[in-house]
Amino acid sequence: YDDRAFDSIIPLQRYWQRTRHRNVLELIDGEGPVLDVGCGSSRIIASLPEGSVAIDILLPKLRYARRFGVAAVHASGFSLPYGDASFPCVLSSEVIQHVPKDSSLINELCRVTQPGGRLVIGTPDHNSRLWTALEPVYGRIAPGSDADEHIARYTRAELIRMMRGKGFDFEDERDVLGAEIILAFRKRMA
């Protein structure tokens, strides 16, 4: 989906994907190798720095990722196959809304981020009027679409508060039309 949407004939879809791509790259720039958890078919994979790893639970997504020469690992974000503090930068873009809030995903993202490392999380902002208006419309226009798969709803304030409680400081953010937030956190030194 993400790959097709990047070149979509629908201007809003194309703008959305390209803006997300640019925003994520700005937030991971200079942070070192990235663990991209739930990489999907985003073109972000092609722009990851050397030594990065793309993880997804879906094999077709990993076949897509391999075309870019990035290490592609078949694994679940609920139990990442890496030790504590393994990566200086961890990315999870457009994933957390697809799993229950009480799942282990966010704890796993935190666990593998090195102290002093950056964690970048992207998700729709359910405090955004634009997103709360767009999501049901998208679901009606495209039944069975991604919008139907959103089971957890987050707000910017909620994510910042939650991540502070997990030992991360909020550093930076980007958005796509104020509806999708991409937040960068720095893991506190032990």
N, C-alpha and C. Protein backbone atom coordinates (compact mmCIF):
# COMPACT_ATOMS: atom_id res chain seq x y z
N TYR A 1 0.82 -1.20 0.00
CA TYR A 1 0.00 0.00 0.00
C TYR A 1 0.86 1.26 0.00
N ASP A 2 1.81 1.36 0.95
CA ASP A 2 2.60 2.59 1.07
C ASP A 2 3.38 2.89 -0.20
N ASP A 3 3.94 1.85 -0.81
CA ASP A 3 4.70 2.04 -2.04
C ASP A 3 3.81 2.58 -3.15
N ARG A 4 2.64 1.96 -3.34
CA ARG A 4 1.71 2.44 -4.38
C ARG A 4 1.23 3.85 -4.09
N ALA A 5 0.95 4.14 -2.81
CA ALA A 5 0.43 5.45 -2.43
C ALA A 5 1.46 6.55 -2.66
N PHE A 6 2.74 6.23 -2.59
CA PHE A 6 3.80 7.22 -2.80
C PHE A 6 3.69 7.85 -4.18
N ASP A 7 3.24 7.07 -5.17
CA ASP A 7 3.09 7.56 -6.54
C ASP A 7 1.63 7.59 -6.98
N SER A 8 0.72 7.66 -6.03
CA SER A 8 -0.71 7.62 -6.32
C SER A 8 -1.14 8.74 -7.25
N ILE A 9 -2.16 8.47 -8.03
CA ILE A 9 -2.76 9.51 -8.86
C ILE A 9 -3.67 10.41 -8.03
N ILE A 10 -3.96 9.99 -6.81
CA ILE A 10 -4.78 10.80 -5.90
C ILE A 10 -3.84 11.76 -5.16
N PRO A 11 -3.96 13.05 -5.41
CA PRO A 11 -3.01 14.02 -4.85
C PRO A 11 -2.87 13.95 -3.33
N LEU A 12 -3.98 13.83 -2.60
CA LEU A 12 -3.89 13.79 -1.14
C LEU A 12 -3.12 12.56 -0.67
N GLN A 13 -3.37 11.42 -1.26
CA GLN A 13 -2.67 10.19 -0.88
C GLN A 13 -1.16 10.30 -1.16
N ARG A 14 -0.83 10.82 -2.32
CA ARG A 14 0.57 11.00 -2.69
C ARG A 14 1.26 11.99 -1.75
N TYR A 15 0.60 13.12 -1.49
CA TYR A 15 1.15 14.13 -0.58
C TYR A 15 1.37 13.53 0.81
N TRP A 16 0.40 12.77 1.30
CA TRP A 16 0.47 12.19 2.64
C TRP A 16 1.68 11.28 2.77
N GLN A 17 1.85 10.37 1.82
CA GLN A 17 2.96 9.41 1.87
C GLN A 17 4.31 10.11 1.75
N ARG A 18 4.40 11.05 0.86
CA ARG A 18 5.67 11.74 0.65
C ARG A 18 6.03 12.63 1.85
N THR A 19 5.04 13.22 2.47
CA THR A 19 5.28 14.04 3.66
C THR A 19 5.73 13.15 4.81
N ARG A 20 5.06 12.02 5.01
CA ARG A 20 5.48 11.09 6.07
C ARG A 20 6.92 10.66 5.83
N HIS A 21 7.25 10.30 4.61
CA HIS A 21 8.59 9.85 4.26
C HIS A 21 9.62 10.91 4.63
N ARG A 22 9.40 12.13 4.21
CA ARG A 22 10.32 13.24 4.50
C ARG A 22 10.44 13.48 6.00
N ASN A 23 9.31 13.49 6.70
CA ASN A 23 9.31 13.74 8.14
C ASN A 23 10.08 12.68 8.91
N VAL A 24 9.85 11.42 8.60
CA VAL A 24 10.55 10.33 9.29
C VAL A 24 12.04 10.44 9.04
N LEU A 25 12.43 10.68 7.79
CA LEU A 25 13.86 10.78 7.49
C LEU A 25 14.52 11.93 8.24
N GLU A 26 13.82 13.04 8.40
CA GLU A 26 14.37 14.16 9.17
C GLU A 26 14.60 13.76 10.63
N LEU A 27 13.69 12.97 11.19
CA LEU A 27 13.78 12.62 12.60
C LEU A 27 14.79 11.51 12.90
N ILE A 28 15.14 10.70 11.90
CA ILE A 28 16.14 9.65 12.13
C ILE A 28 17.53 10.06 11.64
N ASP A 29 17.61 11.17 10.94
CA ASP A 29 18.88 11.60 10.35
C ASP A 29 19.97 11.76 11.42
N GLY A 30 21.10 11.14 11.17
CA GLY A 30 22.25 11.27 12.04
C GLY A 30 22.19 10.44 13.31
N GLU A 31 21.19 9.61 13.45
CA GLU A 31 21.03 8.82 14.67
C GLU A 31 21.71 7.46 14.60
N GLY A 32 22.24 7.08 13.44
CA GLY A 32 22.90 5.78 13.30
C GLY A 32 21.96 4.73 12.74
N PRO A 33 22.38 3.45 12.78
CA PRO A 33 21.53 2.38 12.25
C PRO A 33 20.15 2.37 12.92
N VAL A 34 19.15 2.09 12.12
CA VAL A 34 17.76 2.14 12.57
C VAL A 34 17.16 0.73 12.57
N LEU A 35 16.41 0.41 13.61
CA LEU A 35 15.57 -0.77 13.63
C LEU A 35 14.18 -0.29 13.27
N ASP A 36 13.69 -0.64 12.09
CA ASP A 36 12.37 -0.23 11.61
C ASP A 36 11.39 -1.36 11.90
N VAL A 37 10.61 -1.21 12.96
CA VAL A 37 9.70 -2.26 13.41
C VAL A 37 8.33 -2.06 12.76
N GLY A 38 7.91 -3.05 11.99
CA GLY A 38 6.68 -2.94 11.23
C GLY A 38 6.92 -2.13 9.97
N CYS A 39 8.02 -2.44 9.29
CA CYS A 39 8.48 -1.66 8.14
C CYS A 39 7.46 -1.57 7.02
N GLY A 40 6.63 -2.59 6.85
CA GLY A 40 5.65 -2.57 5.79
C GLY A 40 6.29 -2.41 4.43
N SER A 41 5.60 -1.70 3.55
CA SER A 41 6.11 -1.50 2.19
C SER A 41 6.45 -0.03 1.96
N SER A 42 6.82 0.64 3.01
CA SER A 42 7.16 2.06 2.89
C SER A 42 8.51 2.25 2.21
N ARG A 43 8.62 3.29 1.43
CA ARG A 43 9.90 3.61 0.79
C ARG A 43 10.93 4.14 1.78
N ILE A 44 10.52 4.33 3.00
CA ILE A 44 11.47 4.73 4.04
C ILE A 44 12.61 3.72 4.10
N ILE A 45 12.30 2.46 3.89
CA ILE A 45 13.29 1.39 3.95
C ILE A 45 14.49 1.70 3.06
N ALA A 46 14.21 2.21 1.87
CA ALA A 46 15.27 2.49 0.90
C ALA A 46 16.20 3.60 1.38
N SER A 47 15.76 4.40 2.32
CA SER A 47 16.55 5.54 2.78
C SER A 47 17.19 5.34 4.15
N LEU A 48 17.07 4.14 4.69
CA LEU A 48 17.66 3.88 6.00
C LEU A 48 19.18 3.84 5.90
N PRO A 49 19.88 4.28 6.95
CA PRO A 49 21.35 4.27 6.92
C PRO A 49 21.91 2.84 6.96
N GLU A 50 23.16 2.73 6.59
CA GLU A 50 23.85 1.44 6.59
C GLU A 50 23.77 0.81 7.98
N GLY A 51 23.58 -0.51 8.00
CA GLY A 51 23.50 -1.24 9.26
C GLY A 51 22.09 -1.32 9.83
N SER A 52 21.13 -0.73 9.14
CA SER A 52 19.74 -0.74 9.60
C SER A 52 19.09 -2.10 9.36
N VAL A 53 17.99 -2.33 10.05
CA VAL A 53 17.25 -3.59 9.95
C VAL A 53 15.77 -3.27 9.82
N ALA A 54 15.11 -3.93 8.88
CA ALA A 54 13.67 -3.80 8.70
C ALA A 54 13.00 -5.07 9.20
N ILE A 55 12.03 -4.91 10.09
CA ILE A 55 11.31 -6.05 10.68
C ILE A 55 9.84 -5.94 10.33
N ASP A 56 9.28 -7.08 9.96
CA ASP A 56 7.83 -7.15 9.78
C ASP A 56 7.39 -8.58 10.03
N ILE A 57 6.14 -8.72 10.38
CA ILE A 57 5.55 -10.04 10.61
C ILE A 57 5.06 -10.65 9.30
N LEU A 58 4.87 -9.80 8.28
CA LEU A 58 4.34 -10.26 6.99
C LEU A 58 5.47 -10.48 5.99
N LEU A 59 5.58 -11.68 5.50
CA LEU A 59 6.65 -12.02 4.55
C LEU A 59 6.61 -11.20 3.26
N PRO A 60 5.44 -10.91 2.68
CA PRO A 60 5.45 -10.09 1.46
C PRO A 60 6.09 -8.71 1.69
N LYS A 61 5.91 -8.15 2.86
CA LYS A 61 6.52 -6.85 3.17
C LYS A 61 8.05 -6.98 3.21
N LEU A 62 8.53 -8.10 3.73
CA LEU A 62 9.98 -8.31 3.80
C LEU A 62 10.58 -8.55 2.42
N ARG A 63 9.84 -9.22 1.55
CA ARG A 63 10.34 -9.40 0.17
C ARG A 63 10.50 -8.03 -0.49
N TYR A 64 9.57 -7.13 -0.21
CA TYR A 64 9.67 -5.76 -0.72
C TYR A 64 10.91 -5.08 -0.15
N ALA A 65 11.13 -5.21 1.15
CA ALA A 65 12.25 -4.55 1.83
C ALA A 65 13.59 -5.02 1.30
N ARG A 66 13.70 -6.27 0.95
CA ARG A 66 14.98 -6.83 0.51
C ARG A 66 15.50 -6.18 -0.78
N ARG A 67 14.61 -5.65 -1.59
CA ARG A 67 15.05 -5.03 -2.85
C ARG A 67 15.96 -3.83 -2.61
N PHE A 68 15.96 -3.30 -1.39
CA PHE A 68 16.76 -2.12 -1.08
C PHE A 68 18.07 -2.46 -0.39
N GLY A 69 18.35 -3.73 -0.23
CA GLY A 69 19.62 -4.13 0.37
C GLY A 69 19.69 -3.94 1.88
N VAL A 70 18.55 -3.74 2.50
CA VAL A 70 18.49 -3.60 3.96
C VAL A 70 18.23 -4.98 4.55
N ALA A 71 18.87 -5.30 5.66
CA ALA A 71 18.60 -6.56 6.34
C ALA A 71 17.12 -6.62 6.68
N ALA A 72 16.46 -7.69 6.27
CA ALA A 72 15.03 -7.85 6.50
C ALA A 72 14.82 -9.08 7.39
N VAL A 73 14.15 -8.88 8.51
CA VAL A 73 13.98 -9.93 9.50
C VAL A 73 12.49 -10.20 9.72
N HIS A 74 12.13 -11.48 9.62
CA HIS A 74 10.76 -11.89 9.89
C HIS A 74 10.60 -12.07 11.40
N ALA A 75 9.89 -11.16 12.04
CA ALA A 75 9.72 -11.22 13.48
C ALA A 75 8.51 -10.40 13.89
N SER A 76 8.08 -10.63 15.10
CA SER A 76 6.97 -9.90 15.68
C SER A 76 7.50 -8.77 16.55
N GLY A 77 6.85 -7.63 16.49
CA GLY A 77 7.20 -6.51 17.35
C GLY A 77 6.86 -6.79 18.81
N PHE A 78 6.09 -7.84 19.07
CA PHE A 78 5.73 -8.19 20.44
C PHE A 78 6.88 -8.88 21.16
N SER A 79 7.84 -9.38 20.39
CA SER A 79 8.99 -10.08 20.98
C SER A 79 10.16 -9.92 20.01
N LEU A 80 10.82 -8.78 20.07
CA LEU A 80 11.89 -8.48 19.13
C LEU A 80 13.11 -9.37 19.37
N PRO A 81 13.71 -9.89 18.31
CA PRO A 81 14.83 -10.84 18.45
C PRO A 81 16.18 -10.17 18.68
N TYR A 82 16.20 -9.14 19.50
CA TYR A 82 17.42 -8.41 19.81
C TYR A 82 17.52 -8.19 21.31
N GLY A 83 18.75 -8.08 21.79
CA GLY A 83 18.97 -7.83 23.20
C GLY A 83 18.60 -6.41 23.59
N ASP A 84 18.61 -6.17 24.88
CA ASP A 84 18.34 -4.83 25.40
C ASP A 84 19.35 -3.84 24.82
N ALA A 85 18.89 -2.64 24.55
CA ALA A 85 19.75 -1.53 24.12
C ALA A 85 20.57 -1.88 22.88
N SER A 86 19.95 -2.50 21.89
CA SER A 86 20.65 -2.96 20.68
C SER A 86 20.80 -1.91 19.59
N PHE A 87 19.94 -0.89 19.56
CA PHE A 87 19.95 0.06 18.45
C PHE A 87 19.97 1.50 18.95
N PRO A 88 20.74 2.36 18.26
CA PRO A 88 20.76 3.77 18.62
C PRO A 88 19.50 4.51 18.16
N CYS A 89 18.78 3.90 17.23
CA CYS A 89 17.55 4.52 16.72
C CYS A 89 16.54 3.42 16.40
N VAL A 90 15.34 3.60 16.90
CA VAL A 90 14.25 2.65 16.64
C VAL A 90 13.09 3.44 16.06
N LEU A 91 12.50 2.89 15.02
CA LEU A 91 11.38 3.53 14.31
C LEU A 91 10.21 2.57 14.26
N SER A 92 9.03 3.10 14.52
CA SER A 92 7.80 2.34 14.30
C SER A 92 6.76 3.32 13.79
N SER A 93 6.59 3.32 12.48
CA SER A 93 5.71 4.27 11.82
C SER A 93 4.42 3.59 11.38
N GLU A 94 3.31 4.11 11.89
CA GLU A 94 1.99 3.61 11.52
C GLU A 94 1.79 2.14 11.90
N VAL A 95 2.20 1.79 13.11
CA VAL A 95 2.06 0.42 13.60
C VAL A 95 1.25 0.35 14.88
N ILE A 96 1.53 1.23 15.85
CA ILE A 96 0.96 1.06 17.18
C ILE A 96 -0.57 1.10 17.21
N GLN A 97 -1.19 1.76 16.25
CA GLN A 97 -2.65 1.82 16.23
C GLN A 97 -3.28 0.51 15.78
N HIS A 98 -2.47 -0.42 15.29
CA HIS A 98 -2.97 -1.70 14.80
C HIS A 98 -2.94 -2.80 15.85
N VAL A 99 -2.43 -2.50 17.04
CA VAL A 99 -2.33 -3.51 18.10
C VAL A 99 -2.95 -2.95 19.38
N PRO A 100 -3.40 -3.82 20.27
CA PRO A 100 -3.99 -3.33 21.53
C PRO A 100 -2.99 -2.51 22.34
N LYS A 101 -3.50 -1.52 23.04
CA LYS A 101 -2.64 -0.66 23.85
C LYS A 101 -1.90 -1.44 24.93
N ASP A 102 -2.47 -2.53 25.41
CA ASP A 102 -1.82 -3.30 26.47
C ASP A 102 -0.89 -4.38 25.93
N SER A 103 -0.59 -4.34 24.62
CA SER A 103 0.35 -5.31 24.06
C SER A 103 1.77 -4.96 24.48
N SER A 104 2.70 -5.83 24.19
CA SER A 104 4.10 -5.61 24.56
C SER A 104 4.87 -4.76 23.55
N LEU A 105 4.24 -4.34 22.47
CA LEU A 105 4.95 -3.65 21.39
C LEU A 105 5.73 -2.43 21.87
N ILE A 106 5.09 -1.51 22.53
CA ILE A 106 5.78 -0.28 22.92
C ILE A 106 6.90 -0.59 23.91
N ASN A 107 6.66 -1.52 24.83
CA ASN A 107 7.73 -1.91 25.76
C ASN A 107 8.92 -2.52 25.02
N GLU A 108 8.67 -3.26 23.97
CA GLU A 108 9.75 -3.84 23.18
C GLU A 108 10.53 -2.76 22.44
N LEU A 109 9.84 -1.78 21.89
CA LEU A 109 10.51 -0.67 21.22
C LEU A 109 11.44 0.04 22.21
N CYS A 110 10.94 0.26 23.41
CA CYS A 110 11.74 0.93 24.45
C CYS A 110 12.93 0.06 24.85
N ARG A 111 12.72 -1.23 24.98
CA ARG A 111 13.76 -2.14 25.45
C ARG A 111 14.97 -2.16 24.53
N VAL A 112 14.75 -2.17 23.23
CA VAL A 112 15.87 -2.31 22.29
C VAL A 112 16.53 -0.98 21.94
N THR A 113 15.97 0.14 22.41
CA THR A 113 16.59 1.45 22.19
C THR A 113 17.72 1.65 23.19
N GLN A 114 18.88 2.04 22.69
CA GLN A 114 20.03 2.29 23.56
C GLN A 114 19.78 3.51 24.45
N PRO A 115 20.35 3.52 25.66
CA PRO A 115 20.31 4.75 26.46
C PRO A 115 20.94 5.89 25.64
N GLY A 116 20.27 7.00 25.61
CA GLY A 116 20.72 8.13 24.79
C GLY A 116 20.25 8.02 23.35
N GLY A 117 19.61 6.92 23.00
CA GLY A 117 19.13 6.69 21.64
C GLY A 117 17.78 7.33 21.40
N ARG A 118 17.41 7.33 20.13
CA ARG A 118 16.16 7.97 19.71
C ARG A 118 15.13 6.92 19.33
N LEU A 119 13.90 7.14 19.75
CA LEU A 119 12.75 6.33 19.37
C LEU A 119 11.77 7.23 18.64
N VAL A 120 11.40 6.83 17.41
CA VAL A 120 10.47 7.62 16.59
C VAL A 120 9.21 6.79 16.39
N ILE A 121 8.08 7.36 16.77
CA ILE A 121 6.78 6.68 16.66
C ILE A 121 5.83 7.55 15.86
N GLY A 122 5.18 6.94 14.86
CA GLY A 122 4.18 7.64 14.06
C GLY A 122 2.84 6.95 14.18
N THR A 123 1.78 7.74 14.30
CA THR A 123 0.42 7.21 14.42
C THR A 123 -0.58 8.32 14.14
N PRO A 124 -1.81 7.99 13.77
CA PRO A 124 -2.81 9.05 13.67
C PRO A 124 -3.03 9.71 15.03
N ASP A 125 -3.29 10.99 15.01
CA ASP A 125 -3.58 11.73 16.24
C ASP A 125 -5.09 11.79 16.41
N HIS A 126 -5.60 11.07 17.36
CA HIS A 126 -7.05 11.02 17.56
C HIS A 126 -7.59 12.21 18.33
N ASN A 127 -6.75 13.20 18.51
CA ASN A 127 -7.21 14.47 19.04
C ASN A 127 -7.34 15.48 17.90
N SER A 128 -6.98 15.05 16.70
CA SER A 128 -7.04 15.91 15.53
C SER A 128 -8.44 15.87 14.90
N ARG A 129 -9.00 17.02 14.69
CA ARG A 129 -10.33 17.07 14.04
C ARG A 129 -10.27 16.50 12.63
N LEU A 130 -9.18 16.80 11.93
CA LEU A 130 -9.06 16.30 10.56
C LEU A 130 -9.03 14.76 10.56
N TRP A 131 -8.23 14.17 11.45
CA TRP A 131 -8.15 12.70 11.45
C TRP A 131 -9.48 12.08 11.85
N THR A 132 -10.13 12.60 12.87
CA THR A 132 -11.39 12.01 13.32
C THR A 132 -12.48 12.17 12.26
N ALA A 133 -12.34 13.16 11.38
CA ALA A 133 -13.28 13.30 10.26
C ALA A 133 -12.89 12.38 9.10
N LEU A 134 -11.59 12.26 8.83
CA LEU A 134 -11.13 11.46 7.69
C LEU A 134 -11.28 9.95 7.88
N GLU A 135 -11.00 9.47 9.08
CA GLU A 135 -10.98 8.02 9.29
C GLU A 135 -12.31 7.34 8.94
N PRO A 136 -13.46 7.81 9.42
CA PRO A 136 -14.70 7.13 9.05
C PRO A 136 -15.05 7.27 7.56
N VAL A 137 -14.70 8.41 6.97
CA VAL A 137 -14.95 8.61 5.54
C VAL A 137 -14.12 7.61 4.73
N TYR A 138 -12.85 7.49 5.10
CA TYR A 138 -11.96 6.54 4.42
C TYR A 138 -12.49 5.11 4.57
N GLY A 139 -12.97 4.79 5.76
CA GLY A 139 -13.53 3.46 6.00
C GLY A 139 -14.76 3.18 5.14
N ARG A 140 -15.58 4.22 4.90
CA ARG A 140 -16.77 4.03 4.05
C ARG A 140 -16.39 3.95 2.57
N ILE A 141 -15.44 4.78 2.15
CA ILE A 141 -15.03 4.80 0.75
C ILE A 141 -14.29 3.52 0.38
N ALA A 142 -13.48 3.03 1.31
CA ALA A 142 -12.67 1.84 1.04
C ALA A 142 -12.87 0.82 2.16
N PRO A 143 -14.02 0.12 2.17
CA PRO A 143 -14.26 -0.87 3.22
C PRO A 143 -13.13 -1.92 3.23
N GLY A 144 -12.76 -2.32 4.43
CA GLY A 144 -11.67 -3.28 4.57
C GLY A 144 -10.31 -2.63 4.48
N SER A 145 -10.30 -1.31 4.42
CA SER A 145 -9.03 -0.58 4.30
C SER A 145 -8.31 -0.52 5.64
N ASP A 146 -7.19 0.12 5.61
CA ASP A 146 -6.37 0.31 6.79
C ASP A 146 -7.16 0.93 7.95
N ALA A 147 -8.07 1.83 7.65
CA ALA A 147 -8.84 2.51 8.69
C ALA A 147 -9.64 1.50 9.52
N ASP A 148 -10.08 0.41 8.90
CA ASP A 148 -10.84 -0.61 9.62
C ASP A 148 -9.95 -1.42 10.56
N GLU A 149 -8.65 -1.29 10.42
CA GLU A 149 -7.72 -2.08 11.22
C GLU A 149 -7.17 -1.30 12.41
N HIS A 150 -7.61 -0.09 12.62
CA HIS A 150 -7.14 0.70 13.76
C HIS A 150 -7.92 0.30 15.01
N ILE A 151 -7.21 -0.33 15.95
CA ILE A 151 -7.89 -0.78 17.16
C ILE A 151 -7.44 -0.01 18.40
N ALA A 152 -6.37 0.74 18.30
CA ALA A 152 -5.89 1.57 19.41
C ALA A 152 -5.83 3.01 18.91
N ARG A 153 -6.32 3.90 19.72
CA ARG A 153 -6.35 5.30 19.33
C ARG A 153 -5.53 6.11 20.33
N TYR A 154 -4.57 6.87 19.80
CA TYR A 154 -3.66 7.64 20.63
C TYR A 154 -3.80 9.12 20.32
N THR A 155 -3.45 9.93 21.30
CA THR A 155 -3.32 11.37 21.09
C THR A 155 -1.87 11.74 21.35
N ARG A 156 -1.48 12.88 20.86
CA ARG A 156 -0.12 13.38 21.06
C ARG A 156 0.20 13.47 22.55
N ALA A 157 -0.68 14.11 23.31
CA ALA A 157 -0.45 14.29 24.75
C ALA A 157 -0.33 12.94 25.45
N GLU A 158 -1.16 12.00 25.09
CA GLU A 158 -1.12 10.67 25.71
C GLU A 158 0.21 9.97 25.45
N LEU A 159 0.68 10.03 24.21
CA LEU A 159 1.96 9.38 23.88
C LEU A 159 3.13 10.03 24.61
N ILE A 160 3.14 11.34 24.67
CA ILE A 160 4.23 12.03 25.36
C ILE A 160 4.23 11.66 26.84
N ARG A 161 3.07 11.66 27.45
CA ARG A 161 2.95 11.29 28.87
C ARG A 161 3.39 9.84 29.09
N MET A 162 2.93 8.94 28.24
CA MET A 162 3.26 7.53 28.38
C MET A 162 4.76 7.30 28.23
N MET A 163 5.37 7.94 27.24
CA MET A 163 6.80 7.72 27.00
C MET A 163 7.65 8.34 28.10
N ARG A 164 7.24 9.43 28.68
CA ARG A 164 7.96 9.99 29.84
C ARG A 164 7.99 8.97 30.97
N GLY A 165 6.87 8.30 31.17
CA GLY A 165 6.79 7.28 32.20
C GLY A 165 7.66 6.07 31.92
N LYS A 166 8.06 5.90 30.68
CA LYS A 166 8.91 4.76 30.28
C LYS A 166 10.38 5.16 30.17
N GLY A 167 10.73 6.36 30.63
CA GLY A 167 12.12 6.78 30.65
C GLY A 167 12.60 7.49 29.40
N PHE A 168 11.69 8.11 28.65
CA PHE A 168 12.03 8.82 27.43
C PHE A 168 11.60 10.27 27.54
N ASP A 169 12.41 11.16 26.99
CA ASP A 169 12.05 12.57 26.93
C ASP A 169 11.62 12.92 25.51
N PHE A 170 10.55 13.69 25.43
CA PHE A 170 10.06 14.17 24.14
C PHE A 170 11.06 15.17 23.58
N GLU A 171 11.44 15.00 22.30
CA GLU A 171 12.43 15.89 21.68
C GLU A 171 11.92 16.69 20.50
N ASP A 172 11.17 16.05 19.65
CA ASP A 172 10.83 16.70 18.38
C ASP A 172 9.59 16.05 17.81
N GLU A 173 9.01 16.70 16.83
CA GLU A 173 7.82 16.12 16.19
C GLU A 173 7.64 16.68 14.79
N ARG A 174 6.91 15.92 14.02
CA ARG A 174 6.46 16.33 12.70
C ARG A 174 5.01 15.85 12.59
N ASP A 175 4.32 16.34 11.58
CA ASP A 175 2.96 15.84 11.36
C ASP A 175 2.64 15.87 9.88
N VAL A 176 1.58 15.20 9.55
CA VAL A 176 1.04 15.24 8.19
C VAL A 176 -0.35 15.87 8.32
N LEU A 177 -0.44 17.10 7.89
CA LEU A 177 -1.68 17.88 7.93
C LEU A 177 -2.30 17.96 9.32
N GLY A 178 -1.49 17.81 10.34
CA GLY A 178 -1.99 17.85 11.71
C GLY A 178 -2.79 16.62 12.11
N ALA A 179 -2.90 15.65 11.23
CA ALA A 179 -3.72 14.46 11.49
C ALA A 179 -2.88 13.24 11.87
N GLU A 180 -1.70 13.14 11.31
CA GLU A 180 -0.79 12.05 11.66
C GLU A 180 0.41 12.68 12.36
N ILE A 181 0.74 12.14 13.53
CA ILE A 181 1.87 12.67 14.29
C ILE A 181 3.04 11.71 14.21
N ILE A 182 4.23 12.29 14.16
CA ILE A 182 5.47 11.52 14.18
C ILE A 182 6.32 12.16 15.28
N LEU A 183 6.47 11.43 16.38
CA LEU A 183 7.11 11.98 17.57
C LEU A 183 8.46 11.32 17.80
N ALA A 184 9.43 12.12 18.19
CA ALA A 184 10.78 11.62 18.48
C ALA A 184 11.06 11.78 19.97
N PHE A 185 11.54 10.68 20.56
CA PHE A 185 11.86 10.64 21.99
C PHE A 185 13.31 10.23 22.17
N ARG A 186 13.93 10.71 23.23
CA ARG A 186 15.30 10.34 23.57
C ARG A 186 15.26 9.52 24.86
N LYS A 187 15.88 8.34 24.82
CA LYS A 187 15.92 7.48 26.01
C LYS A 187 16.91 8.05 27.00
N ARG A 188 16.44 8.23 28.23
CA ARG A 188 17.32 8.77 29.27
C ARG A 188 18.46 7.82 29.56
N MET A 189 19.61 8.40 29.89
CA MET A 189 20.76 7.59 30.28
C MET A 189 20.45 6.96 31.63
N ALA A 190 20.95 5.72 31.81
CA ALA A 190 20.66 5.00 33.06
C ALA A 190 21.25 5.70 34.26
